[in-house]
């Protein structure tokens, strides 16, 4: 029992660490760029002054940056060091994790666009509320951080190297302590919730659903894209829209790591008072959304949307490192290897810097300003106006977002090949009753159908209602198959393959003639 609990905590913590790797890496790099390229004064100018201006800028910056509730921590800490007002920092924290290009596109294509747009406007309202409540009711003179005037490295290679060094220092600094608190606490809570215990919760007809979701989602971590996928699944199953908004706002938007950091700088009383008012405002919007944004035609009695927040193992199951390793590798898709490698390199560099350069002499060397004569002879050290840097940064962010979209959502013909492989492997493992591998391939098959729909949309700009209905039917049959496999109903699962195959034939009939070959 204790051994399985240990493995469950380790597996869930590791899975969420993999999920957060890309957005955490982004958070470290952005915070370092703010420190070494903008400096404290530039950061304060970026986020504006008190009142609506600063809060709106925080929301805009938050929606642009692809970070999560863990990746936002190093940026928020840098904002505080630079002397940005606490209300603006809190508004940024509540805005940044929710939406990035990958998750927004998924939400707009796999869910009701009106609902996702309404959720985004709701996040704007909550971000403003978070800042204004703090500024008007809870702020204190003790919150004001004395502005600092940084000595920035000279433009060019030195400044770029300074950003890398700062990222490495942050990767082993205090920010990572709060990140680890967020990850481990999520792993522990998930491991303590019995396997599949949330499968029949969050029903549209249950008025307590938003409250139940708040109790579960607020302390837990989930990234913006996995969170949006979960919200899409809730819409498919006709779950509570109010609970979906709570998941969007407090599940994706905040977690124990962020709450603990806020407590260390503002104290636990004011932090909990602010959090309580924030949760109350979220519930008000959630209950307002329930009757107005519910478009489902029917409500499914069971869902697997929340299985990642429960113990991954059935009671009495035999668990070892091989099983845990396999489940961890399932989370490593196309973008995660790059992010995990980048984080590993930064952590290694940070450890070496702390060991061999505890006096920060490396940074001091990079901050030495060369004479004008020496600088003018260097090709890579020319001064570039700030508006050009901002323009290049914006274009670069847009470019990498587009590349990320096309990498994460592969070409339709490639997705169809992967779907065919998942279908063949999954059905073989059901027939031979290799239970764990069958479940893995069913989940993979389900995810690939979702990716295919988004891949078609971003390449053609078209959304076919018939294709969406057929995909929904196939996923429903796959979920029924998964339930039978989980329940160890061998005979029934094998018989159910006939229904899955019928749904798959209809799926192929609408997709393969159009997208089955390379363009």
Protein backbone atom coordinates (compact mmCIF):
# COMPACT_ATOMS: atom_id res chain seq x y z
CA UNK A 1 0.00 0.00 0.00
CA UNK A 2 2.69 2.51 1.05
CA UNK A 3 4.90 1.43 -1.84
CA UNK A 4 2.13 2.11 -4.36
CA UNK A 5 1.46 5.49 -2.71
CA UNK A 6 5.14 6.36 -3.04
CA UNK A 7 5.12 5.41 -6.73
CA UNK A 8 1.87 7.32 -7.27
CA UNK A 9 3.29 10.52 -5.75
CA UNK A 10 6.47 10.19 -7.80
CA UNK A 11 4.59 9.49 -11.02
CA UNK A 12 2.11 12.34 -10.69
CA UNK A 13 4.86 14.79 -9.66
CA UNK A 14 6.99 13.71 -12.61
CA UNK A 15 4.09 13.94 -15.07
CA UNK A 16 3.24 17.47 -14.01
CA UNK A 17 6.93 18.42 -14.11
CA UNK A 18 7.09 17.25 -17.73
CA UNK A 19 3.89 19.12 -18.58
CA UNK A 20 5.25 22.34 -17.08
CA UNK A 21 8.73 22.13 -18.62
CA UNK A 22 8.08 24.32 -21.67
CA UNK A 23 6.18 27.10 -19.91
CA UNK A 24 8.62 27.04 -16.96
CA UNK A 25 11.58 27.40 -19.31
CA UNK A 26 9.83 30.33 -20.97
CA UNK A 27 9.24 31.94 -17.57
CA UNK A 28 12.91 31.68 -16.62
CA UNK A 29 14.10 33.15 -19.91
CA UNK A 30 11.57 36.01 -19.86
CA UNK A 31 12.43 36.90 -16.25
CA UNK A 32 16.14 36.90 -17.10
CA UNK A 33 15.56 39.08 -20.17
CA UNK A 34 13.62 41.54 -18.02
CA UNK A 35 16.52 41.60 -15.55
CA UNK A 36 19.40 41.97 -18.00
CA UNK A 37 17.82 43.68 -21.02
CA UNK A 38 15.06 45.88 -19.62
CA UNK A 39 16.46 46.44 -16.18
CA UNK A 40 14.37 47.61 -13.24
CA UNK A 41 13.45 50.97 -14.76
CA UNK A 42 12.47 49.41 -18.10
CA UNK A 43 10.33 46.81 -16.35
CA UNK A 44 8.51 49.50 -14.38
CA UNK A 45 7.85 51.45 -17.58
CA UNK A 46 6.57 48.31 -19.30
CA UNK A 47 3.93 47.64 -16.63
CA UNK A 48 2.90 51.25 -16.15
CA UNK A 49 1.82 52.99 -12.99
CA UNK A 50 -1.07 52.58 -10.55
CA UNK A 51 -4.71 52.12 -11.48
CA UNK A 52 -6.33 50.77 -14.64
CA UNK A 53 -3.34 51.42 -16.89
CA UNK A 54 -1.01 49.14 -14.98
CA UNK A 55 -3.65 46.44 -14.53
CA UNK A 56 -4.53 46.41 -18.23
CA UNK A 57 -0.86 46.24 -19.22
CA UNK A 58 -0.39 43.32 -16.84
CA UNK A 59 -3.32 41.49 -18.46
CA UNK A 60 -2.05 42.13 -22.00
CA UNK A 61 1.49 41.02 -21.13
CA UNK A 62 0.10 37.97 -19.36
CA UNK A 63 -2.01 36.84 -22.30
CA UNK A 64 0.93 37.19 -24.71
CA UNK A 65 3.49 35.21 -22.72
CA UNK A 66 3.20 31.39 -22.91
CA UNK A 67 3.69 30.63 -19.20
CA UNK A 68 1.81 28.56 -16.63
CA UNK A 69 1.06 29.08 -12.93
CA UNK A 70 4.61 27.82 -12.19
CA UNK A 71 6.38 29.63 -15.02
CA UNK A 72 4.81 32.90 -13.88
CA UNK A 73 6.65 32.78 -10.52
CA UNK A 74 10.15 33.86 -11.73
CA UNK A 75 8.58 36.67 -13.79
CA UNK A 76 6.51 37.89 -10.83
CA UNK A 77 9.57 37.80 -8.58
CA UNK A 78 11.51 39.89 -11.11
CA UNK A 79 8.63 42.36 -11.34
CA UNK A 80 8.71 42.75 -7.57
CA UNK A 81 12.49 43.20 -7.53
CA UNK A 82 12.11 45.93 -10.15
CA UNK A 83 9.63 47.84 -7.98
CA UNK A 84 6.42 47.13 -9.94
CA UNK A 85 3.34 47.77 -7.80
CA UNK A 86 1.95 44.76 -5.94
CA UNK A 87 -1.54 45.18 -7.44
CA UNK A 88 -0.08 44.98 -10.95
CA UNK A 89 1.92 41.88 -10.04
CA UNK A 90 -1.20 40.16 -8.71
CA UNK A 91 -3.16 41.07 -11.84
CA UNK A 92 -0.34 39.63 -13.96
CA UNK A 93 -0.30 36.40 -11.91
CA UNK A 94 -4.03 35.95 -12.49
CA UNK A 95 -3.82 36.71 -16.23
CA UNK A 96 -0.66 35.04 -17.50
CA UNK A 97 -1.26 31.27 -17.08
CA UNK A 98 -4.63 30.97 -18.81
CA UNK A 99 -4.08 31.38 -22.52
CA UNK A 100 -1.28 30.89 -25.04
CA UNK A 101 -1.51 30.31 -28.81
CA UNK A 102 -1.50 26.50 -28.48
CA UNK A 103 -4.23 26.39 -25.85
CA UNK A 104 -6.33 29.20 -27.34
CA UNK A 105 -6.53 27.52 -30.73
CA UNK A 106 -7.38 24.21 -29.13
CA UNK A 107 -10.12 25.85 -27.10
CA UNK A 108 -11.62 27.71 -30.06
CA UNK A 109 -11.75 24.57 -32.23
CA UNK A 110 -12.61 21.86 -29.70
CA UNK A 111 -15.01 23.88 -27.55
CA UNK A 112 -17.72 26.45 -28.20
CA UNK A 113 -15.86 29.60 -29.38
CA UNK A 114 -18.35 31.84 -27.58
CA UNK A 115 -17.61 30.05 -24.32
CA UNK A 116 -13.82 30.36 -24.69
CA UNK A 117 -14.11 34.06 -25.59
CA UNK A 118 -16.38 34.55 -22.56
CA UNK A 119 -13.85 32.73 -20.38
CA UNK A 120 -11.07 35.03 -21.66
CA UNK A 121 -13.17 38.11 -20.83
CA UNK A 122 -13.89 36.56 -17.43
CA UNK A 123 -10.15 36.20 -16.82
CA UNK A 124 -9.75 39.91 -17.67
CA UNK A 125 -12.42 40.79 -15.11
CA UNK A 126 -10.83 38.58 -12.46
CA UNK A 127 -7.35 40.02 -13.17
CA UNK A 128 -8.68 43.56 -12.75
CA UNK A 129 -10.59 42.50 -9.62
CA UNK A 130 -7.46 40.88 -8.16
CA UNK A 131 -5.45 44.07 -8.60
CA UNK A 132 -8.14 46.51 -7.50
CA UNK A 133 -9.10 44.55 -4.39
CA UNK A 134 -5.50 44.50 -3.29
CA UNK A 135 -4.91 48.16 -4.11
CA UNK A 136 -8.07 49.42 -2.39
CA UNK A 137 -8.46 47.04 0.56
CA UNK A 138 -5.31 45.10 1.38
CA UNK A 139 -2.29 47.10 0.21
CA UNK A 140 0.23 48.33 2.76
CA UNK A 141 3.19 50.68 2.68
CA UNK A 142 5.32 47.69 3.55
CA UNK A 143 4.55 46.24 0.10
CA UNK A 144 6.48 49.00 -1.66
CA UNK A 145 9.86 47.81 -2.85
CA UNK A 146 12.51 50.48 -3.19
CA UNK A 147 13.25 50.81 -6.93
CA UNK A 148 16.73 49.76 -7.99
CA UNK A 149 18.85 51.07 -10.83
CA UNK A 150 20.50 48.14 -12.55
CA UNK A 151 23.83 48.29 -14.33
CA UNK A 152 22.95 46.59 -17.60
CA UNK A 153 25.54 44.78 -19.69
CA UNK A 154 26.45 46.62 -22.86
CA UNK A 155 24.39 45.74 -25.96
CA UNK A 156 25.52 42.77 -27.97
CA UNK A 157 26.96 39.39 -27.09
CA UNK A 158 27.62 40.35 -23.48
CA UNK A 159 23.97 41.12 -22.87
CA UNK A 160 22.85 37.83 -24.43
CA UNK A 161 25.36 35.92 -22.31
CA UNK A 162 24.13 37.81 -19.25
CA UNK A 163 20.58 36.59 -19.95
CA UNK A 164 21.82 32.98 -20.15
CA UNK A 165 23.77 33.34 -16.90
CA UNK A 166 20.79 34.92 -15.14
CA UNK A 167 18.53 32.11 -16.39
CA UNK A 168 20.96 29.53 -15.01
CA UNK A 169 21.07 31.27 -11.63
CA UNK A 170 17.26 31.44 -11.49
CA UNK A 171 16.97 27.76 -12.44
CA UNK A 172 18.59 26.84 -9.11
CA UNK A 173 17.34 29.86 -7.16
CA UNK A 174 14.38 30.60 -4.88
CA UNK A 175 11.87 30.50 -7.76
CA UNK A 176 12.52 26.80 -8.21
CA UNK A 177 11.75 26.15 -4.55
CA UNK A 178 8.20 27.42 -5.09
CA UNK A 179 7.96 25.48 -8.34
CA UNK A 180 8.91 22.27 -6.54
CA UNK A 181 6.37 23.03 -3.79
CA UNK A 182 3.69 23.36 -6.46
CA UNK A 183 4.67 20.14 -8.23
CA UNK A 184 5.14 17.95 -5.16
CA UNK A 185 1.96 19.19 -3.45
CA UNK A 186 -0.01 18.37 -6.61
CA UNK A 187 1.57 14.92 -6.73
CA UNK A 188 0.70 14.22 -3.09
CA UNK A 189 -2.90 15.44 -3.35
CA UNK A 190 -3.49 13.49 -6.58
CA UNK A 191 -2.03 10.32 -5.09
CA UNK A 192 -4.32 10.60 -2.05
CA UNK A 193 -7.50 10.87 -4.16
CA UNK A 194 -8.63 7.31 -5.04
CA UNK A 195 -8.28 6.19 -8.64
CA UNK A 196 -11.15 7.46 -10.80
CA UNK A 197 -12.93 9.09 -7.82
CA UNK A 198 -13.72 12.24 -9.82
CA UNK A 199 -15.23 10.37 -12.78
CA UNK A 200 -18.85 11.09 -11.88
CA UNK A 201 -18.39 14.62 -10.51
CA UNK A 202 -18.80 18.09 -12.10
CA UNK A 203 -22.28 17.33 -13.44
CA UNK A 204 -24.25 20.20 -14.98
CA UNK A 205 -27.30 19.36 -12.87
CA UNK A 206 -25.33 19.37 -9.62
CA UNK A 207 -25.31 22.93 -8.18
CA UNK A 208 -22.27 22.07 -6.07
CA UNK A 209 -20.07 21.31 -9.11
CA UNK A 210 -18.30 24.72 -9.25
CA UNK A 211 -17.55 24.49 -5.52
CA UNK A 212 -16.25 20.92 -5.82
CA UNK A 213 -14.07 21.97 -8.75
CA UNK A 214 -12.72 24.93 -6.76
CA UNK A 215 -11.80 22.68 -3.81
CA UNK A 216 -9.95 20.28 -6.12
CA UNK A 217 -8.47 22.65 -8.71
CA UNK A 218 -7.18 25.55 -6.60
CA UNK A 219 -4.31 23.67 -4.90
CA UNK A 220 -3.50 21.53 -7.96
CA UNK A 221 -1.28 22.31 -10.94
CA UNK A 222 -2.34 21.98 -14.54
CA UNK A 223 -0.78 23.62 -17.60
CA UNK A 224 -2.70 25.85 -19.98
CA UNK A 225 -2.90 23.33 -22.86
CA UNK A 226 -3.73 20.24 -20.74
CA UNK A 227 -6.22 22.42 -18.87
CA UNK A 228 -7.88 23.54 -22.08
CA UNK A 229 -8.04 19.92 -23.22
CA UNK A 230 -9.76 19.05 -19.97
CA UNK A 231 -12.24 21.88 -20.47
CA UNK A 232 -12.93 20.63 -24.00
CA UNK A 233 -13.62 17.17 -22.61
CA UNK A 234 -16.02 18.69 -20.07
CA UNK A 235 -17.98 20.32 -22.89
CA UNK A 236 -18.06 17.03 -24.80
CA UNK A 237 -19.50 15.26 -21.78
CA UNK A 238 -22.01 18.00 -20.98
CA UNK A 239 -20.39 18.78 -17.62
CA UNK A 240 -20.93 21.95 -15.64
CA UNK A 241 -19.88 25.12 -17.49
CA UNK A 242 -19.45 26.84 -14.13
CA UNK A 243 -17.03 24.12 -13.03
CA UNK A 244 -15.19 24.51 -16.35
CA UNK A 245 -14.76 28.25 -15.69
CA UNK A 246 -13.45 27.53 -12.18
CA UNK A 247 -10.97 25.08 -13.72
CA UNK A 248 -9.95 27.73 -16.23
CA UNK A 249 -9.53 30.44 -13.59
CA UNK A 250 -8.15 28.73 -10.48
CA UNK A 251 -6.97 25.36 -11.81
CA UNK A 252 -4.92 26.72 -14.70
CA UNK A 253 -4.38 30.10 -13.08
CA UNK A 254 -3.07 29.44 -9.58
CA UNK A 255 -1.63 26.74 -7.34
CA UNK A 256 0.03 26.08 -4.00
CA UNK A 257 3.46 27.15 -5.27
CA UNK A 258 2.19 30.62 -6.15
CA UNK A 259 0.14 30.89 -2.94
CA UNK A 260 3.15 29.99 -0.77
CA UNK A 261 5.29 32.62 -2.52
CA UNK A 262 2.62 35.27 -1.96
CA UNK A 263 2.46 34.32 1.71
CA UNK A 264 6.20 34.78 2.11
CA UNK A 265 6.06 38.39 0.89
CA UNK A 266 2.59 39.55 1.99
CA UNK A 267 1.91 37.35 5.01
CA UNK A 268 -0.61 34.56 5.28
CA UNK A 269 -3.51 36.67 6.58
CA UNK A 270 -3.61 39.16 3.71
CA UNK A 271 -2.86 36.49 1.13
CA UNK A 272 -5.72 34.28 2.31
CA UNK A 273 -8.08 37.27 2.51
CA UNK A 274 -7.19 38.23 -1.07
CA UNK A 275 -7.50 34.63 -2.23
CA UNK A 276 -10.89 34.27 -0.52
CA UNK A 277 -12.27 37.36 -2.28
CA UNK A 278 -10.84 36.13 -5.57
CA UNK A 279 -12.45 32.70 -5.22
CA UNK A 280 -15.77 34.29 -4.28
CA UNK A 281 -15.68 36.47 -7.42
CA UNK A 282 -14.83 33.41 -9.51
CA UNK A 283 -17.81 31.52 -8.11
CA UNK A 284 -20.12 34.44 -8.89
CA UNK A 285 -19.03 34.38 -12.55
CA UNK A 286 -19.17 30.56 -12.60
CA UNK A 287 -22.77 30.41 -11.43
CA UNK A 288 -23.64 33.17 -13.88
CA UNK A 289 -22.10 31.16 -16.73
CA UNK A 290 -23.94 27.92 -15.92
CA UNK A 291 -27.36 28.79 -17.39
CA UNK A 292 -26.12 31.16 -20.10
CA UNK A 293 -23.20 29.26 -21.68
CA UNK A 294 -24.41 25.66 -21.49
CA UNK A 295 -24.93 24.33 -25.03
CA UNK A 296 -24.60 20.55 -24.56
CA UNK A 297 -27.48 18.44 -25.87
CA UNK A 298 -26.95 15.66 -23.35
CA UNK A 299 -24.88 14.95 -20.26
CA UNK A 300 -22.67 11.89 -19.98
CA UNK A 301 -22.81 10.13 -16.59
CA UNK A 302 -19.07 9.41 -16.52
CA UNK A 303 -15.86 11.10 -17.66
CA UNK A 304 -12.10 10.51 -17.55
CA UNK A 305 -11.30 14.22 -17.82
CA UNK A 306 -10.09 14.39 -14.22
CA UNK A 307 -8.23 11.08 -13.94
CA UNK A 308 -4.85 12.87 -13.87
CA UNK A 309 -5.89 14.45 -10.56
CA UNK A 310 -6.39 11.05 -8.91
CA UNK A 311 -4.17 8.12 -8.01
CA UNK A 312 -2.93 6.57 -11.27
CA UNK A 313 -3.12 3.00 -9.95
CA UNK A 314 -6.07 0.76 -9.19
CA UNK A 315 -6.05 -0.51 -5.58
CA UNK A 316 -4.06 -3.72 -5.33
CA UNK A 317 -2.22 -3.18 -8.62
CA UNK A 318 1.41 -4.29 -8.88
CA UNK A 319 3.58 -1.26 -9.53
CA UNK A 320 7.28 -1.02 -10.29
CA UNK A 321 9.72 1.36 -11.94
CA UNK A 322 9.09 -0.08 -15.40
CA UNK A 323 5.38 0.84 -15.26
CA UNK A 324 6.13 4.28 -13.82
CA UNK A 325 8.79 4.96 -16.44
CA UNK A 326 6.42 4.00 -19.26
CA UNK A 327 3.70 6.33 -17.97
CA UNK A 328 6.22 9.18 -17.62
CA UNK A 329 7.41 8.71 -21.20
CA UNK A 330 3.80 8.98 -22.41
CA UNK A 331 3.91 12.66 -21.39
CA UNK A 332 6.98 13.36 -23.51
CA UNK A 333 5.69 14.47 -26.90
CA UNK A 334 7.23 16.70 -29.57
CA UNK A 335 7.94 19.89 -27.58
CA UNK A 336 8.87 18.41 -24.21
CA UNK A 337 12.31 16.97 -25.18
CA UNK A 338 13.53 20.44 -26.18
CA UNK A 339 12.14 22.05 -23.01
CA UNK A 340 13.47 19.34 -20.70
CA UNK A 341 16.91 19.53 -22.32
CA UNK A 342 16.94 23.32 -21.96
CA UNK A 343 15.96 23.12 -18.29
CA UNK A 344 18.56 20.43 -17.60
CA UNK A 345 21.32 22.55 -19.18
CA UNK A 346 20.27 25.65 -17.22
CA UNK A 347 20.14 23.73 -13.94
CA UNK A 348 23.56 22.18 -14.59
CA UNK A 349 25.02 25.59 -15.46
CA UNK A 350 23.40 27.12 -12.37
CA UNK A 351 24.89 24.45 -10.09
CA UNK A 352 28.35 25.03 -11.58
CA UNK A 353 28.06 28.80 -11.28
CA UNK A 354 26.99 28.59 -7.63
CA UNK A 355 29.82 26.22 -6.83
CA UNK A 356 32.69 27.86 -8.69
CA UNK A 357 31.49 31.49 -8.80
CA UNK A 358 29.62 32.22 -5.56
CA UNK A 359 30.69 35.88 -5.71
CA UNK A 360 28.93 36.41 -9.07
CA UNK A 361 32.16 37.52 -10.74
CA UNK A 362 30.85 36.29 -14.10
CA UNK A 363 27.99 38.78 -14.01
CA UNK A 364 30.31 41.58 -12.91
CA UNK A 365 32.59 40.95 -15.88
CA UNK A 366 29.64 41.03 -18.25
CA UNK A 367 28.48 44.32 -16.74
CA UNK A 368 31.75 46.10 -17.47
CA UNK A 369 31.09 48.74 -20.09
CA UNK A 370 33.69 49.03 -22.84
CA UNK A 371 34.89 52.39 -24.09
CA UNK A 372 33.09 53.91 -27.08
CA UNK A 373 36.16 53.35 -29.26
CA UNK A 374 36.41 49.66 -28.38
CA UNK A 375 32.67 49.12 -28.75
CA UNK A 376 32.51 50.78 -32.17
CA UNK A 377 34.90 48.21 -33.64
CA UNK A 378 32.75 45.22 -32.65
CA UNK A 379 30.35 44.00 -35.28
CA UNK A 380 27.95 42.33 -32.81
CA UNK A 381 27.97 45.06 -30.17
CA UNK A 382 26.21 47.83 -32.03
CA UNK A 383 23.55 49.77 -30.18
CA UNK A 384 20.04 48.87 -31.37
CA UNK A 385 17.08 51.15 -30.54
CA UNK A 386 14.64 49.71 -28.03
CA UNK A 387 11.69 49.86 -30.48
CA UNK A 388 13.58 47.55 -32.84
CA UNK A 389 14.29 45.12 -30.00
CA UNK A 390 10.63 45.09 -29.01
CA UNK A 391 9.58 44.56 -32.60
CA UNK A 392 12.02 41.67 -33.08
CA UNK A 393 10.91 40.13 -29.77
CA UNK A 394 7.22 40.35 -30.77
CA UNK A 395 7.92 38.87 -34.22
CA UNK A 396 10.06 36.16 -32.67
CA UNK A 397 7.33 35.24 -30.21
CA UNK A 398 4.78 35.12 -33.03
CA UNK A 399 7.14 33.02 -35.18
CA UNK A 400 7.86 30.46 -32.48
CA UNK A 401 4.16 30.30 -31.57
CA UNK A 402 3.29 29.49 -35.17
CA UNK A 403 6.08 26.93 -35.40
CA UNK A 404 4.89 25.41 -32.12
CA UNK A 405 1.35 25.14 -33.47
CA UNK A 406 2.44 23.30 -36.59
CA UNK A 407 4.78 21.01 -34.65
CA UNK A 408 2.30 20.12 -31.92
CA UNK A 409 -0.56 19.69 -34.39
CA UNK A 410 1.07 17.66 -37.19
CA UNK A 411 0.00 17.59 -40.82
CA UNK A 412 -3.34 15.73 -41.19
CA UNK A 413 -1.88 12.88 -43.23
CA UNK A 414 0.76 12.30 -40.53
CA UNK A 415 -1.89 12.41 -37.80
CA UNK A 416 -3.91 9.81 -39.72
CA UNK A 417 -0.87 7.53 -39.91
CA UNK A 418 -0.38 7.84 -36.13
CA UNK A 419 -4.08 7.22 -35.53
CA UNK A 420 -3.91 4.06 -37.63
CA UNK A 421 -0.94 2.87 -35.58
CA UNK A 422 -2.69 3.63 -32.27
CA UNK A 423 -5.83 1.84 -33.46
CA UNK A 424 -3.96 -1.28 -34.60
CA UNK A 425 -1.76 -1.48 -31.49
CA UNK A 426 -4.68 -0.72 -29.17
CA UNK A 427 -6.99 -3.36 -30.63
CA UNK A 428 -4.25 -6.01 -30.60
CA UNK A 429 -3.59 -5.32 -26.92
CA UNK A 430 -7.30 -5.53 -26.12
CA UNK A 431 -7.62 -8.86 -27.92
CA UNK A 432 -4.48 -10.27 -26.25
CA UNK A 433 -5.47 -8.51 -22.98
CA UNK A 434 -2.33 -6.50 -22.36
CA UNK A 435 -4.30 -4.15 -20.14
CA UNK A 436 -1.81 -1.34 -19.47
CA UNK A 437 -0.71 -1.02 -23.08
CA UNK A 438 -4.32 -1.16 -24.29
CA UNK A 439 -5.22 1.77 -22.02
CA UNK A 440 -2.18 3.73 -23.19
CA UNK A 441 -3.05 3.27 -26.87
CA UNK A 442 -6.74 4.12 -26.32
CA UNK A 443 -5.71 7.41 -24.67
CA UNK A 444 -3.24 8.08 -27.49
CA UNK A 445 -5.92 7.36 -30.11
CA UNK A 446 -8.32 9.76 -28.41
CA UNK A 447 -5.72 12.57 -28.21
CA UNK A 448 -4.68 12.14 -31.84
CA UNK A 449 -8.24 12.60 -33.08
CA UNK A 450 -8.34 15.92 -31.23
CA UNK A 451 -5.00 16.97 -32.69
CA UNK A 452 -6.21 16.05 -36.16
CA UNK A 453 -9.23 18.34 -35.89
CA UNK A 454 -7.07 21.31 -34.85
CA UNK A 455 -4.45 20.45 -37.50
CA UNK A 456 -7.10 20.57 -40.22
CA UNK A 457 -8.44 23.88 -38.92
CA UNK A 458 -5.10 25.73 -38.78
CA UNK A 459 -4.17 24.56 -42.29
CA UNK A 460 -7.50 25.08 -44.04
CA UNK A 461 -9.38 27.59 -41.89
CA UNK A 462 -12.47 25.33 -42.15
CA UNK A 463 -14.45 23.64 -39.38
CA UNK A 464 -16.70 20.82 -40.56
CA UNK A 465 -19.63 20.06 -38.24
CA UNK A 466 -20.07 16.57 -39.72
CA UNK A 467 -16.43 15.69 -39.11
CA UNK A 468 -16.68 17.01 -35.55
CA UNK A 469 -19.78 14.88 -34.88
CA UNK A 470 -18.09 11.74 -36.22
CA UNK A 471 -14.96 12.42 -34.13
CA UNK A 472 -17.11 12.89 -31.03
CA UNK A 473 -18.85 9.57 -31.72
CA UNK A 474 -15.50 7.77 -32.12
CA UNK A 475 -14.18 9.25 -28.89
CA UNK A 476 -17.36 8.22 -27.09
CA UNK A 477 -16.89 4.62 -28.24
CA UNK A 478 -13.23 4.79 -27.16
CA UNK A 479 -14.22 6.03 -23.71
CA UNK A 480 -16.68 3.17 -23.34
CA UNK A 481 -13.90 0.77 -24.34
CA UNK A 482 -11.57 2.34 -21.81
CA UNK A 483 -14.15 1.92 -19.04
CA UNK A 484 -14.51 -1.77 -19.88
CA UNK A 485 -10.73 -2.29 -19.88
CA UNK A 486 -10.39 -0.45 -16.57
CA UNK A 487 -13.12 -2.65 -15.07
CA UNK A 488 -11.33 -5.81 -16.30
CA UNK A 489 -14.41 -6.84 -18.30
CA UNK A 490 -12.43 -8.86 -20.84
CA UNK A 491 -15.29 -10.40 -22.83
CA UNK A 492 -17.30 -7.17 -22.98
CA UNK A 493 -14.25 -5.12 -24.04
CA UNK A 494 -13.47 -7.46 -26.91
CA UNK A 495 -17.09 -7.41 -28.04
CA UNK A 496 -17.13 -3.61 -27.85
CA UNK A 497 -14.35 -3.48 -30.45
CA UNK A 498 -17.06 -3.99 -33.09
CA UNK A 499 -18.68 -0.65 -32.14
CA UNK A 500 -15.27 1.04 -32.11
CA UNK A 501 -14.51 -0.32 -35.58
CA UNK A 502 -17.84 0.90 -36.94
CA UNK A 503 -17.16 4.40 -35.60
CA UNK A 504 -13.61 4.26 -36.98
CA UNK A 505 -14.86 3.35 -40.48
CA UNK A 506 -17.08 6.44 -40.50
CA UNK A 507 -14.12 8.49 -39.27
CA UNK A 508 -11.89 7.21 -42.08
CA UNK A 509 -14.62 7.79 -44.64
CA UNK A 510 -14.71 11.55 -43.96
CA UNK A 511 -10.97 12.16 -43.39
CA UNK A 512 -8.88 9.77 -45.50
CA UNK A 513 -10.26 10.72 -48.95
CA UNK A 514 -9.30 14.36 -48.28
CA UNK A 515 -6.30 14.19 -45.94
CA UNK A 516 -5.00 10.65 -46.31
CA UNK A 517 -2.10 11.52 -48.61
CA UNK A 518 0.55 14.26 -48.37
CA UNK A 519 -0.43 17.54 -49.96
